[in-house]
PDB file of N, CA and C in Angstrom:
ATOM      1  N   MET A   1      37.725 108.966 115.858  1.00  0.00           N
ATOM      2  CA  MET A   1      36.924 108.444 116.952  1.00  0.00           C
ATOM      3  C   MET A   1      35.654 109.290 117.055  1.00  0.00           C
ATOM      4  N   THR A   2      34.519 108.631 117.215  1.00  0.00           N
ATOM      5  CA  THR A   2      33.239 109.343 117.304  1.00  0.00           C
ATOM      6  C   THR A   2      33.052 109.959 118.701  1.00  0.00           C
ATOM      7  N   GLN A   3      32.081 110.856 118.805  1.00  0.00           N
ATOM      8  CA  GLN A   3      31.760 111.435 120.112  1.00  0.00           C
ATOM      9  C   GLN A   3      31.362 110.341 121.093  1.00  0.00           C
ATOM     10  N   THR A   4      30.573 109.390 120.623  1.00  0.00           N
ATOM     11  CA  THR A   4      30.109 108.309 121.500  1.00  0.00           C
ATOM     12  C   THR A   4      31.299 107.515 122.032  1.00  0.00           C
ATOM     13  N   GLN A   5      32.258 107.226 121.184  1.00  0.00           N
ATOM     14  CA  GLN A   5      33.456 106.490 121.613  1.00  0.00           C
ATOM     15  C   GLN A   5      34.271 107.311 122.611  1.00  0.00           C
ATOM     16  N   LYS A   6      34.416 108.611 122.348  1.00  0.00           N
ATOM     17  CA  LYS A   6      35.169 109.484 123.261  1.00  0.00           C
ATOM     18  C   LYS A   6      34.491 109.543 124.627  1.00  0.00           C
ATOM     19  N   ILE A   7      33.175 109.647 124.613  1.00  0.00           N
ATOM     20  CA  ILE A   7      32.418 109.703 125.869  1.00  0.00           C
ATOM     21  C   ILE A   7      32.567 108.393 126.625  1.00  0.00           C
ATOM     22  N   TYR A   8      32.489 107.276 125.923  1.00  0.00           N
ATOM     23  CA  TYR A   8      32.652 105.972 126.572  1.00  0.00           C
ATOM     24  C   TYR A   8      34.050 105.847 127.193  1.00  0.00           C
ATOM     25  N   GLU A   9      35.068 106.250 126.463  1.00  0.00           N
ATOM     26  CA  GLU A   9      36.440 106.187 126.996  1.00  0.00           C
ATOM     27  C   GLU A   9      36.568 107.055 128.251  1.00  0.00           C
ATOM     28  N   TYR A  10      35.937 108.218 128.244  1.00  0.00           N
ATOM     29  CA  TYR A  10      35.976 109.091 129.411  1.00  0.00           C
ATOM     30  C   TYR A  10      35.267 108.443 130.596  1.00  0.00           C
ATOM     31  N   LEU A  11      34.082 107.880 130.347  1.00  0.00           N
ATOM     32  CA  LEU A  11      33.323 107.249 131.429  1.00  0.00           C
ATOM     33  C   LEU A  11      34.056 106.037 131.999  1.00  0.00           C
ATOM     34  N   LYS A  12      34.847 105.360 131.174  1.00  0.00           N
ATOM     35  CA  LYS A  12      35.611 104.202 131.656  1.00  0.00           C
ATOM     36  C   LYS A  12      36.637 104.591 132.713  1.00  0.00           C
ATOM     37  N   THR A  13      37.000 105.867 132.811  1.00  0.00           N
ATOM     38  CA  THR A  13      37.954 106.320 133.819  1.00  0.00           C
ATOM     39  C   THR A  13      37.314 106.380 135.205  1.00  0.00           C
ATOM     40  N   GLY A  14      35.966 106.216 135.257  1.00  0.00           N
ATOM     41  CA  GLY A  14      35.269 106.230 136.540  1.00  0.00           C
ATOM     42  C   GLY A  14      34.721 107.587 136.923  1.00  0.00           C
ATOM     43  N   LYS A  15      34.901 108.572 136.066  1.00  0.00           N
ATOM     44  CA  LYS A  15      34.420 109.918 136.358  1.00  0.00           C
ATOM     45  C   LYS A  15      32.991 110.109 135.874  1.00  0.00           C
ATOM     46  N   ARG A  16      32.306 111.092 136.478  1.00  0.00           N
ATOM     47  CA  ARG A  16      30.963 111.463 136.033  1.00  0.00           C
ATOM     48  C   ARG A  16      31.098 112.468 134.895  1.00  0.00           C
ATOM     49  N   LEU A  17      30.042 112.534 134.077  1.00  0.00           N
ATOM     50  CA  LEU A  17      30.045 113.457 132.949  1.00  0.00           C
ATOM     51  C   LEU A  17      28.705 114.184 132.878  1.00  0.00           C
ATOM     52  N   THR A  18      28.760 115.509 132.792  1.00  0.00           N
ATOM     53  CA  THR A  18      27.559 116.324 132.643  1.00  0.00           C
ATOM     54  C   THR A  18      27.502 116.874 131.223  1.00  0.00           C
ATOM     55  N   ALA A  19      26.364 117.433 130.856  1.00  0.00           N
ATOM     56  CA  ALA A  19      26.188 117.988 129.512  1.00  0.00           C
ATOM     57  C   ALA A  19      27.163 119.137 129.252  1.00  0.00           C
ATOM     58  N   ILE A  20      27.384 119.979 130.239  1.00  0.00           N
ATOM     59  CA  ILE A  20      28.320 121.109 130.058  1.00  0.00           C
ATOM     60  C   ILE A  20      29.735 120.585 129.836  1.00  0.00           C
ATOM     61  N   GLN A  21      30.131 119.583 130.601  1.00  0.00           N
ATOM     62  CA  GLN A  21      31.458 118.995 130.410  1.00  0.00           C
ATOM     63  C   GLN A  21      31.581 118.371 129.026  1.00  0.00           C
ATOM     64  N   ALA A  22      30.538 117.659 128.595  1.00  0.00           N
ATOM     65  CA  ALA A  22      30.565 117.007 127.276  1.00  0.00           C
ATOM     66  C   ALA A  22      30.676 118.038 126.162  1.00  0.00           C
ATOM     67  N   LEU A  23      30.006 119.153 126.315  1.00  0.00           N
ATOM     68  CA  LEU A  23      30.085 120.211 125.317  1.00  0.00           C
ATOM     69  C   LEU A  23      31.501 120.778 125.251  1.00  0.00           C
ATOM     70  N   LYS A  24      32.082 121.066 126.411  1.00  0.00           N
ATOM     71  CA  LYS A  24      33.428 121.643 126.458  1.00  0.00           C
ATOM     72  C   LYS A  24      34.502 120.657 125.997  1.00  0.00           C
ATOM     73  N   MET A  25      34.369 119.403 126.411  1.00  0.00           N
ATOM     74  CA  MET A  25      35.426 118.415 126.142  1.00  0.00           C
ATOM     75  C   MET A  25      35.316 117.768 124.765  1.00  0.00           C
ATOM     76  N   PHE A  26      34.084 117.516 124.312  1.00  0.00           N
ATOM     77  CA  PHE A  26      33.890 116.726 123.088  1.00  0.00           C
ATOM     78  C   PHE A  26      33.066 117.443 122.019  1.00  0.00           C
ATOM     79  N   GLY A  27      32.598 118.659 122.300  1.00  0.00           N
ATOM     80  CA  GLY A  27      31.758 119.374 121.350  1.00  0.00           C
ATOM     81  C   GLY A  27      30.405 118.717 121.163  1.00  0.00           C
ATOM     82  N   CYS A  28      29.945 118.020 122.192  1.00  0.00           N
ATOM     83  CA  CYS A  28      28.704 117.243 122.127  1.00  0.00           C
ATOM     84  C   CYS A  28      27.550 118.060 122.701  1.00  0.00           C
ATOM     85  N   PHE A  29      26.588 118.411 121.835  1.00  0.00           N
ATOM     86  CA  PHE A  29      25.427 119.180 122.261  1.00  0.00           C
ATOM     87  C   PHE A  29      24.311 118.287 122.794  1.00  0.00           C
ATOM     88  N   ARG A  30      24.351 116.978 122.492  1.00  0.00           N
ATOM     89  CA  ARG A  30      23.262 116.078 122.874  1.00  0.00           C
ATOM     90  C   ARG A  30      23.801 114.881 123.657  1.00  0.00           C
ATOM     91  N   LEU A  31      24.283 115.139 124.854  1.00  0.00           N
ATOM     92  CA  LEU A  31      24.863 114.072 125.666  1.00  0.00           C
ATOM     93  C   LEU A  31      23.856 112.971 125.949  1.00  0.00           C
ATOM     94  N   ALA A  32      22.610 113.315 126.234  1.00  0.00           N
ATOM     95  CA  ALA A  32      21.608 112.298 126.546  1.00  0.00           C
ATOM     96  C   ALA A  32      21.439 111.324 125.372  1.00  0.00           C
ATOM     97  N   ALA A  33      21.537 111.823 124.152  1.00  0.00           N
ATOM     98  CA  ALA A  33      21.427 110.955 122.978  1.00  0.00           C
ATOM     99  C   ALA A  33      22.629 110.019 122.875  1.00  0.00           C
ATOM    100  N   ARG A  34      23.808 110.530 123.173  1.00  0.00           N
ATOM    101  CA  ARG A  34      25.013 109.687 123.140  1.00  0.00           C
ATOM    102  C   ARG A  34      24.962 108.635 124.243  1.00  0.00           C
ATOM    103  N   ILE A  35      24.425 109.001 125.416  1.00  0.00           N
ATOM    104  CA  ILE A  35      24.261 108.044 126.507  1.00  0.00           C
ATOM    105  C   ILE A  35      23.267 106.964 126.087  1.00  0.00           C
ATOM    106  N   ALA A  36      22.200 107.354 125.410  1.00  0.00           N
ATOM    107  CA  ALA A  36      21.222 106.376 124.906  1.00  0.00           C
ATOM    108  C   ALA A  36      21.885 105.422 123.911  1.00  0.00           C
ATOM    109  N   ASP A  37      22.759 105.948 123.058  1.00  0.00           N
ATOM    110  CA  ASP A  37      23.506 105.091 122.122  1.00  0.00           C
ATOM    111  C   ASP A  37      24.330 104.062 122.876  1.00  0.00           C
ATOM    112  N   LEU A  38      25.017 104.498 123.927  1.00  0.00           N
ATOM    113  CA  LEU A  38      25.848 103.585 124.722  1.00  0.00           C
ATOM    114  C   LEU A  38      24.986 102.540 125.427  1.00  0.00           C
ATOM    115  N   ARG A  39      23.858 102.958 125.947  1.00  0.00           N
ATOM    116  CA  ARG A  39      22.951 102.006 126.598  1.00  0.00           C
ATOM    117  C   ARG A  39      22.428 100.981 125.594  1.00  0.00           C
ATOM    118  N   ASN A  40      22.131 101.439 124.385  1.00  0.00           N
ATOM    119  CA  ASN A  40      21.663 100.526 123.339  1.00  0.00           C
ATOM    120  C   ASN A  40      22.745  99.528 122.933  1.00  0.00           C
ATOM    121  N   GLN A  41      23.994  99.885 123.142  1.00  0.00           N
ATOM    122  CA  GLN A  41      25.115  98.982 122.870  1.00  0.00           C
ATOM    123  C   GLN A  41      25.310  97.981 124.003  1.00  0.00           C
ATOM    124  N   GLY A  42      24.551  98.146 125.088  1.00  0.00           N
ATOM    125  CA  GLY A  42      24.609  97.198 126.191  1.00  0.00           C
ATOM    126  C   GLY A  42      25.360  97.672 127.421  1.00  0.00           C
ATOM    127  N   HIS A  43      25.815  98.911 127.412  1.00  0.00           N
ATOM    128  CA  HIS A  43      26.538  99.443 128.572  1.00  0.00           C
ATOM    129  C   HIS A  43      25.540  99.906 129.631  1.00  0.00           C
ATOM    130  N   THR A  44      25.864  99.673 130.893  1.00  0.00           N
ATOM    131  CA  THR A  44      25.025 100.128 131.997  1.00  0.00           C
ATOM    132  C   THR A  44      25.580 101.452 132.488  1.00  0.00           C
ATOM    133  N   ILE A  45      24.771 102.486 132.358  1.00  0.00           N
ATOM    134  CA  ILE A  45      25.191 103.829 132.752  1.00  0.00           C
ATOM    135  C   ILE A  45      24.172 104.370 133.744  1.00  0.00           C
ATOM    136  N   TRP A  46      24.678 104.840 134.870  1.00  0.00           N
ATOM    137  CA  TRP A  46      23.834 105.382 135.931  1.00  0.00           C
ATOM    138  C   TRP A  46      23.633 106.868 135.708  1.00  0.00           C
ATOM    139  N   THR A  47      22.461 107.344 136.062  1.00  0.00           N
ATOM    140  CA  THR A  47      22.156 108.772 135.995  1.00  0.00           C
ATOM    141  C   THR A  47      21.970 109.288 137.410  1.00  0.00           C
ATOM    142  N   ASP A  48      22.785 110.249 137.784  1.00  0.00           N
ATOM    143  CA  ASP A  48      22.635 110.948 139.060  1.00  0.00           C
ATOM    144  C   ASP A  48      22.084 112.330 138.749  1.00  0.00           C
ATOM    145  N   TYR A  49      21.181 112.802 139.575  1.00  0.00           N
ATOM    146  CA  TYR A  49      20.667 114.156 139.399  1.00  0.00           C
ATOM    147  C   TYR A  49      21.297 115.043 140.460  1.00  0.00           C
ATOM    148  N   VAL A  50      21.936 116.099 140.004  1.00  0.00           N
ATOM    149  CA  VAL A  50      22.680 117.010 140.862  1.00  0.00           C
ATOM    150  C   VAL A  50      21.967 118.356 140.861  1.00  0.00           C
ATOM    151  N   THR A  51      21.805 118.939 142.059  1.00  0.00           N
ATOM    152  CA  THR A  51      21.194 120.262 142.164  1.00  0.00           C
ATOM    153  C   THR A  51      22.208 121.236 142.746  1.00  0.00           C
ATOM    154  N   ILE A  52      22.457 122.298 141.995  1.00  0.00           N
ATOM    155  CA  ILE A  52      23.350 123.364 142.443  1.00  0.00           C
ATOM    156  C   ILE A  52      22.652 124.691 142.172  1.00  0.00           C
ATOM    157  N   LYS A  53      22.524 125.515 143.203  1.00  0.00           N
ATOM    158  CA  LYS A  53      21.873 126.824 143.091  1.00  0.00           C
ATOM    159  C   LYS A  53      20.482 126.706 142.440  1.00  0.00           C
ATOM    160  N   ASN A  54      19.703 125.764 142.931  1.00  0.00           N
ATOM    161  CA  ASN A  54      18.328 125.539 142.475  1.00  0.00           C
ATOM    162  C   ASN A  54      18.212 125.093 141.022  1.00  0.00           C
ATOM    163  N   LYS A  55      19.300 124.602 140.432  1.00  0.00           N
ATOM    164  CA  LYS A  55      19.270 124.063 139.080  1.00  0.00           C
ATOM    165  C   LYS A  55      19.655 122.592 139.144  1.00  0.00           C
ATOM    166  N   THR A  56      18.848 121.754 138.543  1.00  0.00           N
ATOM    167  CA  THR A  56      19.075 120.300 138.570  1.00  0.00           C
ATOM    168  C   THR A  56      19.492 119.844 137.183  1.00  0.00           C
ATOM    169  N   PHE A  57      20.520 119.005 137.146  1.00  0.00           N
ATOM    170  CA  PHE A  57      20.992 118.484 135.880  1.00  0.00           C
ATOM    171  C   PHE A  57      21.481 117.052 136.084  1.00  0.00           C
ATOM    172  N   ALA A  58      21.601 116.324 134.974  1.00  0.00           N
ATOM    173  CA  ALA A  58      22.023 114.920 135.019  1.00  0.00           C
ATOM    174  C   ALA A  58      23.542 114.825 134.966  1.00  0.00           C
ATOM    175  N   ALA A  59      24.064 113.848 135.695  1.00  0.00           N
ATOM    176  CA  ALA A  59      25.482 113.496 135.634  1.00  0.00           C
ATOM    177  C   ALA A  59      25.525 111.981 135.426  1.00  0.00           C
ATOM    178  N   TYR A  60      26.209 111.555 134.380  1.00  0.00           N
ATOM    179  CA  TYR A  60      26.232 110.140 134.001  1.00  0.00           C
ATOM    180  C   TYR A  60      27.514 109.482 134.444  1.00  0.00           C
ATOM    181  N   LYS A  61      27.395 108.211 134.851  1.00  0.00           N
ATOM    182  CA  LYS A  61      28.555 107.443 135.291  1.00  0.00           C
ATOM    183  C   LYS A  61      28.390 105.989 134.821  1.00  0.00           C
ATOM    184  N   LEU A  62      29.471 105.408 134.355  1.00  0.00           N
ATOM    185  CA  LEU A  62      29.463 104.039 133.881  1.00  0.00           C
ATOM    186  C   LEU A  62      29.451 103.086 135.072  1.00  0.00           C
ATOM    187  N   SER A  63      28.582 102.106 135.025  1.00  0.00           N
ATOM    188  CA  SER A  63      28.515 101.100 136.078  1.00  0.00           C
ATOM    189  C   SER A  63      29.704 100.162 135.948  1.00  0.00           C
ATOM    190  N   LYS A  64      30.227  99.722 137.080  1.00  0.00           N
ATOM    191  CA  LYS A  64      31.387  98.833 137.057  1.00  0.00           C
ATOM    192  C   LYS A  64      30.979  97.419 136.792  1.00  0.00           C
TER     193      LYS A  64
END
């Protein structure tokens, strides 16, 4: 199973995914690229921007 497939299966559970989580869970260094692949396949994925301790990062979630 590819990283993109693993990420899609994870997002189907309804959970959000950040780059740090993707690196730890799937060994994926380029989550934004994998999200772009999924979007190009026709999946609707929402991007939330989360700020913690003055650091902002993206968290992706699959649209229902």
